N, C-alpha and C. Protein backbone atom coordinates (compact mmCIF):
# COMPACT_ATOMS: atom_id res chain seq x y z
N MET A 1 76.79 145.04 -31.32
CA MET A 1 76.68 146.20 -30.46
C MET A 1 77.15 147.44 -31.24
N PRO A 2 76.39 148.51 -31.22
CA PRO A 2 76.80 149.73 -31.92
C PRO A 2 78.10 150.29 -31.34
N SER A 3 78.84 151.00 -32.20
CA SER A 3 80.07 151.65 -31.76
C SER A 3 80.33 152.87 -32.64
N ALA A 4 81.28 153.68 -32.19
CA ALA A 4 81.59 154.91 -32.90
C ALA A 4 83.09 155.01 -33.14
N LEU A 5 83.43 155.69 -34.23
CA LEU A 5 84.80 155.97 -34.59
C LEU A 5 84.91 157.46 -34.86
N LEU A 6 85.82 158.11 -34.17
CA LEU A 6 86.11 159.52 -34.43
C LEU A 6 87.41 159.62 -35.20
N ILE A 7 87.35 160.26 -36.36
CA ILE A 7 88.53 160.53 -37.16
C ILE A 7 88.97 161.94 -36.80
N THR A 8 90.16 162.05 -36.23
CA THR A 8 90.65 163.35 -35.76
C THR A 8 91.98 163.67 -36.43
N GLY A 9 92.44 164.86 -36.22
CA GLY A 9 93.71 165.32 -36.78
C GLY A 9 93.67 166.82 -36.90
N THR A 10 94.77 167.40 -37.29
CA THR A 10 94.81 168.84 -37.43
C THR A 10 93.96 169.28 -38.62
N VAL A 11 93.75 170.57 -38.76
CA VAL A 11 92.97 171.08 -39.88
C VAL A 11 93.69 170.74 -41.18
N GLY A 12 92.92 170.37 -42.19
CA GLY A 12 93.48 170.12 -43.50
C GLY A 12 93.99 168.72 -43.77
N VAL A 13 93.84 167.79 -42.82
CA VAL A 13 94.34 166.43 -43.06
C VAL A 13 93.34 165.55 -43.80
N GLY A 14 92.09 166.00 -43.92
CA GLY A 14 91.10 165.21 -44.65
C GLY A 14 90.17 164.40 -43.76
N LYS A 15 89.90 164.89 -42.57
CA LYS A 15 89.03 164.16 -41.64
C LYS A 15 87.63 163.94 -42.23
N THR A 16 87.04 165.00 -42.75
CA THR A 16 85.68 164.90 -43.28
C THR A 16 85.64 164.02 -44.52
N SER A 17 86.60 164.18 -45.40
CA SER A 17 86.65 163.34 -46.60
C SER A 17 86.82 161.87 -46.23
N ALA A 18 87.68 161.59 -45.26
CA ALA A 18 87.88 160.21 -44.83
C ALA A 18 86.61 159.65 -44.19
N ALA A 19 85.92 160.46 -43.40
CA ALA A 19 84.68 159.99 -42.76
C ALA A 19 83.61 159.70 -43.81
N ASP A 20 83.45 160.60 -44.78
CA ASP A 20 82.47 160.37 -45.84
C ASP A 20 82.79 159.09 -46.61
N ALA A 21 84.05 158.90 -46.96
CA ALA A 21 84.45 157.71 -47.70
C ALA A 21 84.31 156.45 -46.84
N ALA A 22 84.60 156.55 -45.55
CA ALA A 22 84.42 155.40 -44.65
C ALA A 22 82.94 155.01 -44.58
N GLY A 23 82.07 155.99 -44.50
CA GLY A 23 80.63 155.70 -44.52
C GLY A 23 80.23 154.98 -45.79
N ASP A 24 80.78 155.42 -46.92
CA ASP A 24 80.49 154.76 -48.21
C ASP A 24 80.99 153.32 -48.21
N LEU A 25 82.21 153.11 -47.70
CA LEU A 25 82.76 151.74 -47.64
C LEU A 25 81.93 150.84 -46.74
N LEU A 26 81.50 151.37 -45.59
CA LEU A 26 80.66 150.57 -44.70
C LEU A 26 79.33 150.23 -45.37
N ALA A 27 78.72 151.21 -46.02
CA ALA A 27 77.45 150.97 -46.72
C ALA A 27 77.64 149.92 -47.80
N GLY A 28 78.75 150.02 -48.54
CA GLY A 28 79.04 149.03 -49.58
C GLY A 28 79.21 147.63 -49.03
N ALA A 29 79.64 147.54 -47.78
CA ALA A 29 79.80 146.23 -47.12
C ALA A 29 78.52 145.80 -46.40
N GLY A 30 77.45 146.61 -46.52
CA GLY A 30 76.18 146.26 -45.89
C GLY A 30 76.10 146.58 -44.41
N VAL A 31 76.96 147.45 -43.92
CA VAL A 31 76.96 147.81 -42.50
C VAL A 31 76.16 149.10 -42.30
N PRO A 32 75.05 149.04 -41.58
CA PRO A 32 74.27 150.26 -41.32
C PRO A 32 75.11 151.27 -40.55
N ASN A 33 75.20 152.51 -41.08
CA ASN A 33 76.08 153.50 -40.47
C ASN A 33 75.55 154.89 -40.69
N ALA A 34 76.15 155.84 -39.98
CA ALA A 34 75.86 157.26 -40.16
C ALA A 34 77.17 158.01 -40.00
N VAL A 35 77.31 159.10 -40.74
CA VAL A 35 78.49 159.94 -40.69
C VAL A 35 78.10 161.27 -40.07
N ILE A 36 78.87 161.71 -39.08
CA ILE A 36 78.59 162.95 -38.36
C ILE A 36 79.81 163.85 -38.42
N ASP A 37 79.63 165.06 -38.95
CA ASP A 37 80.70 166.05 -38.99
C ASP A 37 80.54 166.97 -37.78
N LEU A 38 81.44 166.87 -36.83
CA LEU A 38 81.33 167.67 -35.60
C LEU A 38 81.38 169.17 -35.88
N ASP A 39 82.10 169.58 -36.92
CA ASP A 39 82.13 171.01 -37.25
C ASP A 39 80.74 171.53 -37.59
N ARG A 40 79.93 170.71 -38.22
CA ARG A 40 78.57 171.12 -38.56
C ARG A 40 77.68 171.20 -37.32
N LEU A 41 77.95 170.34 -36.35
CA LEU A 41 77.14 170.36 -35.13
C LEU A 41 77.41 171.59 -34.27
N ARG A 42 78.57 172.21 -34.48
CA ARG A 42 78.96 173.37 -33.66
C ARG A 42 78.84 174.68 -34.41
N ARG A 43 78.44 174.63 -35.66
CA ARG A 43 78.46 175.85 -36.50
C ARG A 43 77.32 176.79 -36.12
N ALA A 44 77.66 177.76 -35.30
CA ALA A 44 76.73 178.79 -34.85
C ALA A 44 77.56 180.01 -34.48
N TRP A 45 76.96 181.16 -34.61
CA TRP A 45 77.67 182.40 -34.29
C TRP A 45 76.75 183.28 -33.49
N PRO A 46 77.24 183.93 -32.48
CA PRO A 46 78.63 183.92 -31.99
C PRO A 46 78.84 182.78 -30.99
N ALA A 47 80.09 182.48 -30.77
CA ALA A 47 80.45 181.51 -29.74
C ALA A 47 80.62 182.25 -28.42
N PRO A 48 80.29 181.59 -27.33
CA PRO A 48 80.51 182.23 -26.03
C PRO A 48 82.00 182.49 -25.79
N PRO A 49 82.34 183.57 -25.13
CA PRO A 49 83.77 183.88 -24.90
C PRO A 49 84.52 182.76 -24.18
N ASP A 50 83.84 182.03 -23.30
CA ASP A 50 84.51 180.96 -22.55
C ASP A 50 84.45 179.61 -23.27
N ASP A 51 83.89 179.57 -24.49
CA ASP A 51 83.77 178.32 -25.25
C ASP A 51 83.88 178.64 -26.75
N PRO A 52 85.07 179.09 -27.20
CA PRO A 52 85.21 179.60 -28.56
C PRO A 52 84.94 178.58 -29.67
N PHE A 53 85.04 177.28 -29.36
CA PHE A 53 84.77 176.26 -30.37
C PHE A 53 83.42 175.59 -30.16
N HIS A 54 82.56 176.19 -29.34
CA HIS A 54 81.21 175.68 -29.08
C HIS A 54 81.21 174.22 -28.62
N GLY A 55 82.10 173.89 -27.71
CA GLY A 55 82.16 172.51 -27.22
C GLY A 55 80.89 172.04 -26.57
N ALA A 56 80.26 172.88 -25.75
CA ALA A 56 79.02 172.47 -25.07
C ALA A 56 77.90 172.25 -26.07
N LEU A 57 77.78 173.14 -27.04
CA LEU A 57 76.76 172.99 -28.07
C LEU A 57 77.01 171.72 -28.89
N THR A 58 78.26 171.47 -29.21
CA THR A 58 78.61 170.26 -29.97
C THR A 58 78.13 169.02 -29.25
N LEU A 59 78.40 168.94 -27.96
CA LEU A 59 78.02 167.74 -27.20
C LEU A 59 76.50 167.60 -27.09
N ARG A 60 75.80 168.70 -26.89
CA ARG A 60 74.33 168.62 -26.85
C ARG A 60 73.78 168.11 -28.17
N ASN A 61 74.27 168.68 -29.26
CA ASN A 61 73.81 168.25 -30.58
C ASN A 61 74.22 166.81 -30.87
N LEU A 62 75.44 166.44 -30.50
CA LEU A 62 75.92 165.08 -30.73
C LEU A 62 75.05 164.07 -30.00
N ARG A 63 74.71 164.37 -28.77
CA ARG A 63 73.86 163.46 -27.98
C ARG A 63 72.55 163.18 -28.74
N ALA A 64 71.91 164.23 -29.23
CA ALA A 64 70.62 164.07 -29.92
C ALA A 64 70.79 163.38 -31.27
N VAL A 65 71.76 163.82 -32.06
CA VAL A 65 71.95 163.26 -33.40
C VAL A 65 72.36 161.79 -33.31
N ALA A 66 73.28 161.46 -32.44
CA ALA A 66 73.70 160.06 -32.29
C ALA A 66 72.54 159.18 -31.87
N ALA A 67 71.76 159.63 -30.91
CA ALA A 67 70.60 158.85 -30.46
C ALA A 67 69.62 158.62 -31.61
N ASN A 68 69.40 159.64 -32.42
CA ASN A 68 68.49 159.50 -33.56
C ASN A 68 69.03 158.51 -34.59
N PHE A 69 70.31 158.60 -34.91
CA PHE A 69 70.89 157.66 -35.87
C PHE A 69 70.85 156.23 -35.35
N LEU A 70 71.17 156.05 -34.08
CA LEU A 70 71.13 154.70 -33.50
C LEU A 70 69.70 154.15 -33.50
N ALA A 71 68.74 154.99 -33.15
CA ALA A 71 67.33 154.57 -33.16
C ALA A 71 66.87 154.22 -34.57
N ALA A 72 67.47 154.84 -35.56
CA ALA A 72 67.11 154.56 -36.96
C ALA A 72 67.82 153.31 -37.50
N GLY A 73 68.67 152.69 -36.67
CA GLY A 73 69.30 151.43 -37.07
C GLY A 73 70.78 151.48 -37.37
N ALA A 74 71.43 152.63 -37.24
CA ALA A 74 72.87 152.68 -37.47
C ALA A 74 73.59 151.81 -36.45
N GLU A 75 74.52 151.01 -36.93
CA GLU A 75 75.34 150.19 -36.05
C GLU A 75 76.73 150.79 -35.84
N ARG A 76 77.15 151.61 -36.78
CA ARG A 76 78.44 152.27 -36.70
C ARG A 76 78.24 153.76 -36.94
N LEU A 77 78.80 154.56 -36.04
CA LEU A 77 78.79 156.01 -36.19
C LEU A 77 80.21 156.43 -36.53
N VAL A 78 80.36 157.13 -37.63
CA VAL A 78 81.68 157.61 -38.06
C VAL A 78 81.67 159.12 -37.93
N LEU A 79 82.55 159.64 -37.08
CA LEU A 79 82.59 161.08 -36.82
C LEU A 79 83.88 161.67 -37.37
N ALA A 80 83.78 162.92 -37.81
CA ALA A 80 84.95 163.70 -38.20
C ALA A 80 85.01 164.90 -37.28
N GLY A 81 86.15 165.13 -36.65
CA GLY A 81 86.26 166.28 -35.77
C GLY A 81 87.54 166.24 -34.96
N VAL A 82 87.67 167.23 -34.11
CA VAL A 82 88.88 167.38 -33.31
C VAL A 82 88.52 167.28 -31.83
N ILE A 83 89.25 166.46 -31.11
CA ILE A 83 89.21 166.48 -29.65
C ILE A 83 90.66 166.65 -29.19
N GLU A 84 90.84 167.51 -28.19
CA GLU A 84 92.18 167.91 -27.80
C GLU A 84 92.64 167.35 -26.46
N SER A 85 91.81 166.54 -25.81
CA SER A 85 92.21 166.00 -24.51
C SER A 85 91.47 164.70 -24.23
N ARG A 86 92.00 163.95 -23.29
CA ARG A 86 91.34 162.70 -22.89
C ARG A 86 89.99 162.99 -22.23
N ASP A 87 89.91 164.10 -21.49
CA ASP A 87 88.65 164.49 -20.88
C ASP A 87 87.60 164.79 -21.95
N GLU A 88 88.01 165.48 -22.98
CA GLU A 88 87.10 165.78 -24.09
C GLU A 88 86.67 164.49 -24.79
N ARG A 89 87.58 163.55 -24.92
CA ARG A 89 87.23 162.25 -25.51
C ARG A 89 86.17 161.56 -24.68
N LEU A 90 86.34 161.56 -23.38
CA LEU A 90 85.36 160.93 -22.49
C LEU A 90 83.99 161.59 -22.62
N ARG A 91 83.96 162.91 -22.70
CA ARG A 91 82.68 163.62 -22.85
C ARG A 91 81.99 163.26 -24.17
N HIS A 92 82.77 163.09 -25.22
CA HIS A 92 82.19 162.69 -26.51
C HIS A 92 81.64 161.26 -26.42
N GLU A 93 82.38 160.37 -25.79
CA GLU A 93 81.90 158.99 -25.66
C GLU A 93 80.62 158.94 -24.84
N GLU A 94 80.55 159.74 -23.78
CA GLU A 94 79.33 159.80 -22.98
C GLU A 94 78.15 160.33 -23.79
N ALA A 95 78.39 161.33 -24.62
CA ALA A 95 77.32 161.89 -25.47
C ALA A 95 76.85 160.86 -26.49
N LEU A 96 77.77 160.07 -27.02
CA LEU A 96 77.42 159.06 -28.01
C LEU A 96 76.67 157.88 -27.40
N ALA A 97 76.97 157.57 -26.15
CA ALA A 97 76.37 156.45 -25.43
C ALA A 97 76.71 155.10 -26.06
N VAL A 98 77.83 155.04 -26.77
CA VAL A 98 78.37 153.79 -27.32
C VAL A 98 79.89 153.88 -27.21
N PRO A 99 80.58 152.74 -27.27
CA PRO A 99 82.04 152.77 -27.21
C PRO A 99 82.62 153.60 -28.35
N LEU A 100 83.67 154.38 -28.04
CA LEU A 100 84.30 155.26 -29.02
C LEU A 100 85.76 154.87 -29.23
N THR A 101 86.12 154.73 -30.49
CA THR A 101 87.50 154.53 -30.90
C THR A 101 87.93 155.81 -31.61
N VAL A 102 89.19 156.21 -31.43
CA VAL A 102 89.68 157.43 -32.06
C VAL A 102 90.86 157.10 -32.96
N CYS A 103 90.76 157.56 -34.21
CA CYS A 103 91.84 157.41 -35.19
C CYS A 103 92.36 158.79 -35.55
N ARG A 104 93.66 158.97 -35.45
CA ARG A 104 94.26 160.23 -35.88
C ARG A 104 94.79 160.07 -37.30
N VAL A 105 94.40 160.99 -38.16
CA VAL A 105 94.93 161.03 -39.51
C VAL A 105 96.07 162.04 -39.51
N ARG A 106 97.21 161.62 -40.04
CA ARG A 106 98.38 162.49 -40.10
C ARG A 106 98.77 162.73 -41.55
N VAL A 107 99.14 163.97 -41.81
CA VAL A 107 99.69 164.39 -43.10
C VAL A 107 100.81 165.35 -42.77
N ALA A 108 101.90 165.27 -43.49
CA ALA A 108 103.03 166.18 -43.26
C ALA A 108 102.56 167.63 -43.39
N LEU A 109 103.07 168.50 -42.51
CA LEU A 109 102.62 169.89 -42.50
C LEU A 109 102.79 170.62 -43.84
N PRO A 110 103.84 170.37 -44.63
CA PRO A 110 103.89 171.03 -45.94
C PRO A 110 102.69 170.66 -46.82
N GLU A 111 102.25 169.41 -46.76
CA GLU A 111 101.07 169.00 -47.53
C GLU A 111 99.80 169.63 -46.95
N VAL A 112 99.71 169.72 -45.63
CA VAL A 112 98.57 170.40 -45.01
C VAL A 112 98.52 171.85 -45.48
N ARG A 113 99.67 172.51 -45.49
CA ARG A 113 99.71 173.91 -45.96
C ARG A 113 99.24 174.01 -47.42
N ARG A 114 99.66 173.07 -48.25
CA ARG A 114 99.25 173.07 -49.65
C ARG A 114 97.73 172.91 -49.76
N ARG A 115 97.18 171.97 -49.01
CA ARG A 115 95.73 171.73 -49.05
C ARG A 115 94.96 172.95 -48.56
N LEU A 116 95.43 173.53 -47.47
CA LEU A 116 94.74 174.70 -46.92
C LEU A 116 94.81 175.89 -47.87
N THR A 117 95.95 176.05 -48.52
CA THR A 117 96.10 177.15 -49.48
C THR A 117 95.10 176.98 -50.63
N ALA A 118 94.93 175.78 -51.11
CA ALA A 118 93.95 175.53 -52.17
C ALA A 118 92.53 175.74 -51.66
N ARG A 119 92.25 175.26 -50.46
CA ARG A 119 90.90 175.35 -49.90
C ARG A 119 90.49 176.78 -49.60
N HIS A 120 91.42 177.60 -49.20
CA HIS A 120 91.12 178.98 -48.80
C HIS A 120 91.66 180.00 -49.80
N ALA A 121 91.71 179.65 -51.07
CA ALA A 121 92.26 180.53 -52.10
C ALA A 121 91.55 181.89 -52.14
N ASP A 122 90.27 181.90 -51.85
CA ASP A 122 89.49 183.16 -51.88
C ASP A 122 89.24 183.73 -50.50
N ASP A 123 89.97 183.24 -49.51
CA ASP A 123 89.72 183.65 -48.13
C ASP A 123 91.06 183.84 -47.40
N PRO A 124 91.75 184.96 -47.66
CA PRO A 124 93.08 185.14 -47.06
C PRO A 124 93.07 185.13 -45.53
N ALA A 125 92.06 185.73 -44.92
CA ALA A 125 92.01 185.73 -43.45
C ALA A 125 91.80 184.32 -42.92
N GLY A 126 90.92 183.56 -43.56
CA GLY A 126 90.69 182.17 -43.17
C GLY A 126 91.93 181.33 -43.36
N LEU A 127 92.64 181.58 -44.45
CA LEU A 127 93.87 180.84 -44.70
C LEU A 127 94.90 181.11 -43.61
N ASP A 128 95.08 182.37 -43.26
CA ASP A 128 96.04 182.71 -42.21
C ASP A 128 95.69 182.00 -40.90
N TRP A 129 94.41 182.02 -40.53
CA TRP A 129 93.98 181.38 -39.28
C TRP A 129 94.25 179.89 -39.34
N HIS A 130 93.85 179.24 -40.45
CA HIS A 130 94.00 177.79 -40.56
C HIS A 130 95.47 177.37 -40.61
N LEU A 131 96.31 178.15 -41.29
CA LEU A 131 97.73 177.81 -41.32
C LEU A 131 98.34 177.87 -39.92
N ALA A 132 97.99 178.89 -39.16
CA ALA A 132 98.50 178.99 -37.78
C ALA A 132 97.93 177.87 -36.92
N ARG A 133 96.65 177.59 -37.09
CA ARG A 133 95.99 176.56 -36.28
C ARG A 133 96.52 175.16 -36.60
N ALA A 134 96.89 174.90 -37.85
CA ALA A 134 97.36 173.57 -38.25
C ALA A 134 98.56 173.14 -37.42
N GLU A 135 99.55 174.00 -37.33
CA GLU A 135 100.76 173.65 -36.57
C GLU A 135 100.46 173.58 -35.07
N GLU A 136 99.71 174.55 -34.58
CA GLU A 136 99.35 174.57 -33.15
C GLU A 136 98.58 173.31 -32.78
N LEU A 137 97.58 172.95 -33.57
CA LEU A 137 96.75 171.80 -33.26
C LEU A 137 97.53 170.49 -33.38
N SER A 138 98.41 170.41 -34.33
CA SER A 138 99.24 169.22 -34.47
C SER A 138 100.05 168.99 -33.19
N SER A 139 100.62 170.06 -32.65
CA SER A 139 101.39 169.95 -31.40
C SER A 139 100.50 169.55 -30.23
N ILE A 140 99.31 170.13 -30.16
CA ILE A 140 98.36 169.79 -29.08
C ILE A 140 98.03 168.31 -29.14
N LEU A 141 97.75 167.80 -30.35
CA LEU A 141 97.38 166.39 -30.50
C LEU A 141 98.55 165.47 -30.18
N ASP A 142 99.77 165.90 -30.49
CA ASP A 142 100.95 165.10 -30.15
C ASP A 142 101.04 164.89 -28.64
N VAL A 143 100.79 165.94 -27.89
CA VAL A 143 100.89 165.88 -26.43
C VAL A 143 99.71 165.14 -25.82
N ALA A 144 98.51 165.38 -26.36
CA ALA A 144 97.29 164.83 -25.76
C ALA A 144 97.17 163.32 -25.90
N GLU A 145 97.69 162.77 -26.98
CA GLU A 145 97.63 161.31 -27.22
C GLU A 145 96.22 160.75 -27.01
N VAL A 146 95.24 161.33 -27.70
CA VAL A 146 93.86 160.86 -27.54
C VAL A 146 93.51 159.73 -28.50
N ALA A 147 94.34 159.48 -29.50
CA ALA A 147 94.01 158.48 -30.52
C ALA A 147 94.41 157.08 -30.09
N ASP A 148 93.62 156.11 -30.52
CA ASP A 148 93.93 154.70 -30.31
C ASP A 148 94.92 154.21 -31.36
N TYR A 149 94.88 154.81 -32.55
CA TYR A 149 95.80 154.47 -33.61
C TYR A 149 95.87 155.63 -34.59
N THR A 150 96.88 155.60 -35.45
CA THR A 150 97.14 156.68 -36.39
C THR A 150 97.30 156.10 -37.79
N VAL A 151 96.80 156.84 -38.79
CA VAL A 151 96.99 156.42 -40.17
C VAL A 151 97.54 157.58 -40.99
N ASP A 152 98.18 157.23 -42.09
CA ASP A 152 98.69 158.20 -43.05
C ASP A 152 97.52 158.72 -43.87
N GLY A 153 97.38 160.04 -43.94
CA GLY A 153 96.27 160.65 -44.65
C GLY A 153 96.60 161.07 -46.07
N THR A 154 97.72 160.60 -46.62
CA THR A 154 98.03 160.95 -48.00
C THR A 154 97.42 159.90 -48.92
N GLY A 155 97.09 160.34 -50.13
CA GLY A 155 96.52 159.43 -51.11
C GLY A 155 95.04 159.68 -51.31
N ALA A 156 94.45 158.86 -52.14
CA ALA A 156 93.02 158.98 -52.46
C ALA A 156 92.18 158.78 -51.22
N ARG A 157 91.06 159.50 -51.16
CA ARG A 157 90.22 159.46 -49.96
C ARG A 157 89.72 158.05 -49.65
N ALA A 158 89.41 157.26 -50.66
CA ALA A 158 88.94 155.89 -50.40
C ALA A 158 90.06 155.05 -49.78
N ARG A 159 91.29 155.28 -50.21
CA ARG A 159 92.43 154.55 -49.65
C ARG A 159 92.66 154.95 -48.20
N VAL A 160 92.56 156.25 -47.91
CA VAL A 160 92.70 156.72 -46.52
C VAL A 160 91.59 156.13 -45.67
N ALA A 161 90.36 156.15 -46.17
CA ALA A 161 89.23 155.60 -45.42
C ALA A 161 89.43 154.11 -45.15
N ALA A 162 89.95 153.37 -46.12
CA ALA A 162 90.20 151.95 -45.92
C ALA A 162 91.22 151.74 -44.80
N ARG A 163 92.26 152.58 -44.77
CA ARG A 163 93.25 152.49 -43.69
C ARG A 163 92.60 152.77 -42.34
N VAL A 164 91.75 153.79 -42.31
CA VAL A 164 91.06 154.15 -41.07
C VAL A 164 90.21 152.97 -40.59
N LEU A 165 89.43 152.40 -41.50
CA LEU A 165 88.55 151.28 -41.11
C LEU A 165 89.34 150.03 -40.76
N ASP A 166 90.49 149.80 -41.38
CA ASP A 166 91.32 148.63 -41.06
C ASP A 166 91.76 148.64 -39.60
N GLY A 167 91.96 149.81 -39.03
CA GLY A 167 92.40 149.90 -37.64
C GLY A 167 91.28 149.85 -36.62
N TRP A 168 90.05 149.95 -37.08
CA TRP A 168 88.89 150.00 -36.16
C TRP A 168 88.41 148.60 -35.86
N ARG A 169 88.45 148.25 -34.61
CA ARG A 169 88.00 146.91 -34.18
C ARG A 169 86.86 147.07 -33.18
N PRO A 170 85.65 147.34 -33.69
CA PRO A 170 84.52 147.53 -32.75
C PRO A 170 84.19 146.28 -31.99
């Protein structure tokens, strides 16, 4: 039976890298899969004032993309993105139309700051936003408890992906 795994966490923890590496590990094991970056599904400008992160657009796109990947034979959907509440988790699972497991990747905030500083070296305004958002989002995720399990996001991306997949029991 097909299933989905969402890799979540604050900005800068390596969600997308872990998802890409998890897709590679699954492919290497012969498991038909697809990797979906939720940030790419929502990337449009401008966002409506009442939906600054394009949540509605993300879900519409996710519904279509997931259905297409499943119809093409994917058995595992690996997503990278942020969900901030149990209600939001339920909406994502409904859009996917398959069971959803959520893994939170954690990295100490000083390391997140280091990663973000490197990533946004040429974008001071973006760096300021992401640094503020990292701490805020980490606190939101602590309270929301949307993850089924948590893994350490330090180390090589393949090692992080292996930890993520070890906790997933579809």
